[in-house]
C-alpha atoms as a PDB file:
ATOM      1  CA  UNK A   1      67.004  96.316  82.865  1.00  0.00           C
ATOM      2  CA  UNK A   2      67.278  94.886  86.361  1.00  0.00           C
ATOM      3  CA  UNK A   3      71.006  95.604  86.439  1.00  0.00           C
ATOM      4  CA  UNK A   4      70.362  99.228  85.508  1.00  0.00           C
ATOM      5  CA  UNK A   5      67.808  99.559  88.297  1.00  0.00           C
ATOM      6  CA  UNK A   6      70.214  98.036  90.804  1.00  0.00           C
ATOM      7  CA  UNK A   7      72.932 100.415  89.655  1.00  0.00           C
ATOM      8  CA  UNK A   8      70.636 103.442  90.035  1.00  0.00           C
ATOM      9  CA  UNK A   9      69.494 102.346  93.492  1.00  0.00           C
ATOM     10  CA  UNK A  10      73.110 101.761  94.541  1.00  0.00           C
ATOM     11  CA  UNK A  11      74.109 105.233  93.360  1.00  0.00           C
ATOM     12  CA  UNK A  12      71.177 106.813  95.177  1.00  0.00           C
ATOM     13  CA  UNK A  13      72.064 104.961  98.376  1.00  0.00           C
ATOM     14  CA  UNK A  14      75.687 106.086  98.067  1.00  0.00           C
ATOM     15  CA  UNK A  15      74.747 109.784  98.145  1.00  0.00           C
ATOM     16  CA  UNK A  16      75.241 111.040 101.693  1.00  0.00           C
ATOM     17  CA  UNK A  17      72.058 112.154 103.361  1.00  0.00           C
ATOM     18  CA  UNK A  18      72.052 115.656 104.755  1.00  0.00           C
ATOM     19  CA  UNK A  19      71.466 115.914 108.469  1.00  0.00           C
ATOM     20  CA  UNK A  20      69.493 119.154 108.215  1.00  0.00           C
ATOM     21  CA  UNK A  21      66.315 118.865 110.270  1.00  0.00           C
ATOM     22  CA  UNK A  22      63.010 120.152 108.904  1.00  0.00           C
ATOM     23  CA  UNK A  23      62.775 122.803 111.637  1.00  0.00           C
ATOM     24  CA  UNK A  24      66.139 124.251 110.499  1.00  0.00           C
ATOM     25  CA  UNK A  25      65.122 124.842 106.876  1.00  0.00           C
ATOM     26  CA  UNK A  26      64.580 128.497 105.960  1.00  0.00           C
ATOM     27  CA  UNK A  27      61.394 129.540 104.193  1.00  0.00           C
ATOM     28  CA  UNK A  28      63.337 131.564 101.587  1.00  0.00           C
ATOM     29  CA  UNK A  29      64.698 129.020  99.062  1.00  0.00           C
ATOM     30  CA  UNK A  30      67.552 131.328  97.992  1.00  0.00           C
ATOM     31  CA  UNK A  31      68.742 131.783 101.595  1.00  0.00           C
ATOM     32  CA  UNK A  32      68.350 128.066 102.251  1.00  0.00           C
ATOM     33  CA  UNK A  33      70.480 127.267  99.197  1.00  0.00           C
ATOM     34  CA  UNK A  34      73.190 129.664 100.439  1.00  0.00           C
ATOM     35  CA  UNK A  35      72.974 128.138 103.932  1.00  0.00           C
ATOM     36  CA  UNK A  36      73.369 124.617 102.514  1.00  0.00           C
ATOM     37  CA  UNK A  37      76.328 125.707 100.378  1.00  0.00           C
ATOM     38  CA  UNK A  38      78.019 127.315 103.385  1.00  0.00           C
ATOM     39  CA  UNK A  39      77.221 124.361 105.647  1.00  0.00           C
ATOM     40  CA  UNK A  40      78.924 122.058 103.162  1.00  0.00           C
ATOM     41  CA  UNK A  41      82.136 124.117 103.522  1.00  0.00           C
ATOM     42  CA  UNK A  42      82.205 124.106 107.351  1.00  0.00           C
ATOM     43  CA  UNK A  43      83.737 121.210 109.299  1.00  0.00           C
ATOM     44  CA  UNK A  44      81.858 119.499 112.103  1.00  0.00           C
ATOM     45  CA  UNK A  45      84.122 119.988 115.098  1.00  0.00           C
ATOM     46  CA  UNK A  46      82.895 116.730 116.638  1.00  0.00           C
ATOM     47  CA  UNK A  47      83.102 114.445 113.583  1.00  0.00           C
ATOM     48  CA  UNK A  48      85.985 116.367 111.952  1.00  0.00           C
ATOM     49  CA  UNK A  49      85.734 114.591 108.602  1.00  0.00           C
ATOM     50  CA  UNK A  50      82.171 115.649 107.856  1.00  0.00           C
ATOM     51  CA  UNK A  51      80.624 118.949 107.038  1.00  0.00           C
ATOM     52  CA  UNK A  52      78.042 120.355 109.421  1.00  0.00           C
ATOM     53  CA  UNK A  53      75.525 119.748 106.645  1.00  0.00           C
ATOM     54  CA  UNK A  54      76.160 115.983 106.861  1.00  0.00           C
ATOM     55  CA  UNK A  55      76.672 115.619 110.612  1.00  0.00           C
ATOM     56  CA  UNK A  56      74.043 114.712 113.187  1.00  0.00           C
ATOM     57  CA  UNK A  57      76.121 116.002 116.124  1.00  0.00           C
ATOM     58  CA  UNK A  58      74.509 118.577 118.393  1.00  0.00           C
ATOM     59  CA  UNK A  59      77.331 121.058 117.765  1.00  0.00           C
ATOM     60  CA  UNK A  60      76.846 120.687 114.014  1.00  0.00           C
ATOM     61  CA  UNK A  61      73.147 121.436 114.469  1.00  0.00           C
ATOM     62  CA  UNK A  62      74.045 124.550 116.494  1.00  0.00           C
ATOM     63  CA  UNK A  63      76.477 125.675 113.800  1.00  0.00           C
ATOM     64  CA  UNK A  64      73.856 125.144 111.065  1.00  0.00           C
ATOM     65  CA  UNK A  65      71.443 127.299 113.044  1.00  0.00           C
ATOM     66  CA  UNK A  66      74.146 129.926 113.547  1.00  0.00           C
ATOM     67  CA  UNK A  67      74.863 130.034 109.809  1.00  0.00           C
ATOM     68  CA  UNK A  68      71.172 130.483 109.059  1.00  0.00           C
ATOM     69  CA  UNK A  69      70.777 133.192 111.717  1.00  0.00           C
ATOM     70  CA  UNK A  70      73.697 135.148 110.269  1.00  0.00           C
ATOM     71  CA  UNK A  71      72.289 134.850 106.738  1.00  0.00           C
ATOM     72  CA  UNK A  72      68.829 135.992 107.852  1.00  0.00           C
ATOM     73  CA  UNK A  73      70.503 138.948 109.604  1.00  0.00           C
ATOM     74  CA  UNK A  74      71.902 139.983 106.217  1.00  0.00           C
ATOM     75  CA  UNK A  75      75.502 138.754 106.445  1.00  0.00           C
ATOM     76  CA  UNK A  76      77.259 137.771 103.224  1.00  0.00           C
ATOM     77  CA  UNK A  77      78.727 134.326 102.653  1.00  0.00           C
ATOM     78  CA  UNK A  78      82.305 135.442 103.359  1.00  0.00           C
ATOM     79  CA  UNK A  79      81.176 137.325 106.462  1.00  0.00           C
ATOM     80  CA  UNK A  80      79.584 134.153 107.835  1.00  0.00           C
ATOM     81  CA  UNK A  81      82.753 132.142 107.125  1.00  0.00           C
ATOM     82  CA  UNK A  82      84.904 134.884 108.671  1.00  0.00           C
ATOM     83  CA  UNK A  83      82.688 134.907 111.773  1.00  0.00           C
ATOM     84  CA  UNK A  84      83.035 131.137 112.176  1.00  0.00           C
ATOM     85  CA  UNK A  85      86.790 131.284 111.554  1.00  0.00           C
ATOM     86  CA  UNK A  86      87.222 134.059 114.117  1.00  0.00           C
ATOM     87  CA  UNK A  87      85.223 132.094 116.641  1.00  0.00           C
ATOM     88  CA  UNK A  88      86.591 128.567 116.022  1.00  0.00           C
ATOM     89  CA  UNK A  89      89.821 129.100 114.074  1.00  0.00           C
ATOM     90  CA  UNK A  90      90.708 128.109 110.488  1.00  0.00           C
ATOM     91  CA  UNK A  91      90.246 124.420 111.356  1.00  0.00           C
ATOM     92  CA  UNK A  92      86.474 124.946 111.129  1.00  0.00           C
ATOM     93  CA  UNK A  93      86.768 125.287 107.345  1.00  0.00           C
ATOM     94  CA  UNK A  94      86.898 122.043 105.380  1.00  0.00           C
ATOM     95  CA  UNK A  95      89.215 123.780 102.890  1.00  0.00           C
ATOM     96  CA  UNK A  96      91.803 125.616 104.981  1.00  0.00           C
ATOM     97  CA  UNK A  97      92.923 129.037 103.749  1.00  0.00           C
ATOM     98  CA  UNK A  98      96.219 129.367 101.913  1.00  0.00           C
ATOM     99  CA  UNK A  99      98.376 131.188 104.425  1.00  0.00           C
ATOM    100  CA  UNK A 100     101.922 130.807 105.705  1.00  0.00           C
ATOM    101  CA  UNK A 101     100.918 128.402 108.481  1.00  0.00           C
ATOM    102  CA  UNK A 102      99.140 126.068 106.009  1.00  0.00           C
ATOM    103  CA  UNK A 103     101.731 126.065 103.215  1.00  0.00           C
ATOM    104  CA  UNK A 104     102.988 122.639 104.249  1.00  0.00           C
ATOM    105  CA  UNK A 105      99.441 121.307 104.115  1.00  0.00           C
ATOM    106  CA  UNK A 106      98.816 122.743 100.651  1.00  0.00           C
ATOM    107  CA  UNK A 107     102.200 122.324  98.978  1.00  0.00           C
ATOM    108  CA  UNK A 108     103.817 119.511 100.994  1.00  0.00           C
ATOM    109  CA  UNK A 109     102.269 116.703  98.936  1.00  0.00           C
ATOM    110  CA  UNK A 110     103.596 118.259  95.723  1.00  0.00           C
ATOM    111  CA  UNK A 111     107.058 118.614  97.271  1.00  0.00           C
ATOM    112  CA  UNK A 112     106.992 114.962  98.359  1.00  0.00           C
ATOM    113  CA  UNK A 113     105.839 113.922  94.893  1.00  0.00           C
ATOM    114  CA  UNK A 114     108.723 115.886  93.358  1.00  0.00           C
ATOM    115  CA  UNK A 115     111.241 114.330  95.757  1.00  0.00           C
ATOM    116  CA  UNK A 116     109.890 110.877  94.969  1.00  0.00           C
ATOM    117  CA  UNK A 117     110.151 111.498  91.218  1.00  0.00           C
ATOM    118  CA  UNK A 118     113.718 112.776  91.632  1.00  0.00           C
ATOM    119  CA  UNK A 119     114.596 109.678  93.685  1.00  0.00           C
ATOM    120  CA  UNK A 120     113.165 107.387  91.029  1.00  0.00           C
ATOM    121  CA  UNK A 121     115.087 109.245  88.308  1.00  0.00           C
ATOM    122  CA  UNK A 122     118.371 108.961  90.244  1.00  0.00           C
ATOM    123  CA  UNK A 123     117.759 105.261  90.895  1.00  0.00           C
ATOM    124  CA  UNK A 124     117.071 104.690  87.190  1.00  0.00           C
ATOM    125  CA  UNK A 125     120.307 106.476  86.226  1.00  0.00           C
ATOM    126  CA  UNK A 126     122.314 104.415  88.722  1.00  0.00           C
ATOM    127  CA  UNK A 127     120.828 101.179  87.375  1.00  0.00           C
ATOM    128  CA  UNK A 128     121.521 102.221  83.802  1.00  0.00           C
ATOM    129  CA  UNK A 129     125.175 102.921  84.649  1.00  0.00           C
ATOM    130  CA  UNK A 130     125.527  99.552  86.345  1.00  0.00           C
ATOM    131  CA  UNK A 131     124.136  97.782  83.288  1.00  0.00           C
ATOM    132  CA  UNK A 132     126.506  99.484  80.840  1.00  0.00           C
ATOM    133  CA  UNK A 133     129.301  97.144  79.778  1.00  0.00           C
ATOM    134  CA  UNK A 134     132.754  98.611  80.314  1.00  0.00           C
ATOM    135  CA  UNK A 135     134.783  99.437  77.226  1.00  0.00           C
ATOM    136  CA  UNK A 136     137.028  96.545  76.221  1.00  0.00           C
ATOM    137  CA  UNK A 137     140.700  96.883  77.075  1.00  0.00           C
ATOM    138  CA  UNK A 138     143.107  97.895  74.363  1.00  0.00           C
ATOM    139  CA  UNK A 139     145.851  95.443  73.392  1.00  0.00           C
ATOM    140  CA  UNK A 140     148.413  97.412  75.403  1.00  0.00           C
ATOM    141  CA  UNK A 141     146.181  97.471  78.503  1.00  0.00           C
ATOM    142  CA  UNK A 142     145.457  93.761  78.151  1.00  0.00           C
ATOM    143  CA  UNK A 143     149.171  92.899  78.015  1.00  0.00           C
ATOM    144  CA  UNK A 144     149.898  95.102  81.084  1.00  0.00           C
ATOM    145  CA  UNK A 145     147.068  93.384  82.964  1.00  0.00           C
ATOM    146  CA  UNK A 146     148.398  89.943  82.094  1.00  0.00           C
ATOM    147  CA  UNK A 147     151.897  90.963  83.187  1.00  0.00           C
ATOM    148  CA  UNK A 148     150.603  92.255  86.511  1.00  0.00           C
ATOM    149  CA  UNK A 149     148.549  89.135  87.090  1.00  0.00           C
ATOM    150  CA  UNK A 150     151.484  86.862  86.269  1.00  0.00           C
ATOM    151  CA  UNK A 151     153.730  88.858  88.634  1.00  0.00           C
ATOM    152  CA  UNK A 152     151.155  88.503  91.418  1.00  0.00           C
ATOM    153  CA  UNK A 153     150.805  84.789  90.739  1.00  0.00           C
ATOM    154  CA  UNK A 154     154.591  84.358  90.869  1.00  0.00           C
ATOM    155  CA  UNK A 155     154.782  86.210  94.182  1.00  0.00           C
ATOM    156  CA  UNK A 156     152.029  84.066  95.594  1.00  0.00           C
ATOM    157  CA  UNK A 157     153.860  80.880  94.545  1.00  0.00           C
ATOM    158  CA  UNK A 158     157.112  82.170  96.006  1.00  0.00           C
ATOM    159  CA  UNK A 159     158.976  81.789  92.711  1.00  0.00           C
ATOM    160  CA  UNK A 160     159.740  85.486  92.527  1.00  0.00           C
ATOM    161  CA  UNK A 161     160.919  87.819  95.246  1.00  0.00           C
ATOM    162  CA  UNK A 162     158.794  90.794  96.044  1.00  0.00           C
ATOM    163  CA  UNK A 163     160.401  94.122  95.126  1.00  0.00           C
ATOM    164  CA  UNK A 164     161.903  96.087  97.991  1.00  0.00           C
END
């Protein structure tokens, strides 16, 4: 029982706390839910690895207010994101758009994974070829080899003259 309680408390403590201040919260719960969902998709330009919903930076607070102002003014979710992207560039989005300039970001890891898999496959084939035992020599090949080796041995000993 105590272990279960410790586990639950640990999981609760691991959930990131939102940095939204009470004075920022909208009175309309539906608009507030949309604002929180949008804030979770927008990058804090100071922290860079946090959403503005999780960041305590002053700029993040300003961006949260801006999102809420745009929603209260009647802007749709995509309009708010487009406004922020126009103003701060695509970097402001935690999930960058799929466009030509971000293809490497989106598809580069898959390309590297494919290259790595191909490299591993080639290395495995090379190892397998090295491990294969060569076919044994036929009787004729064996006798030719022995003759060549004996000729080389005789030349090395000086008992036979090298051909000219």
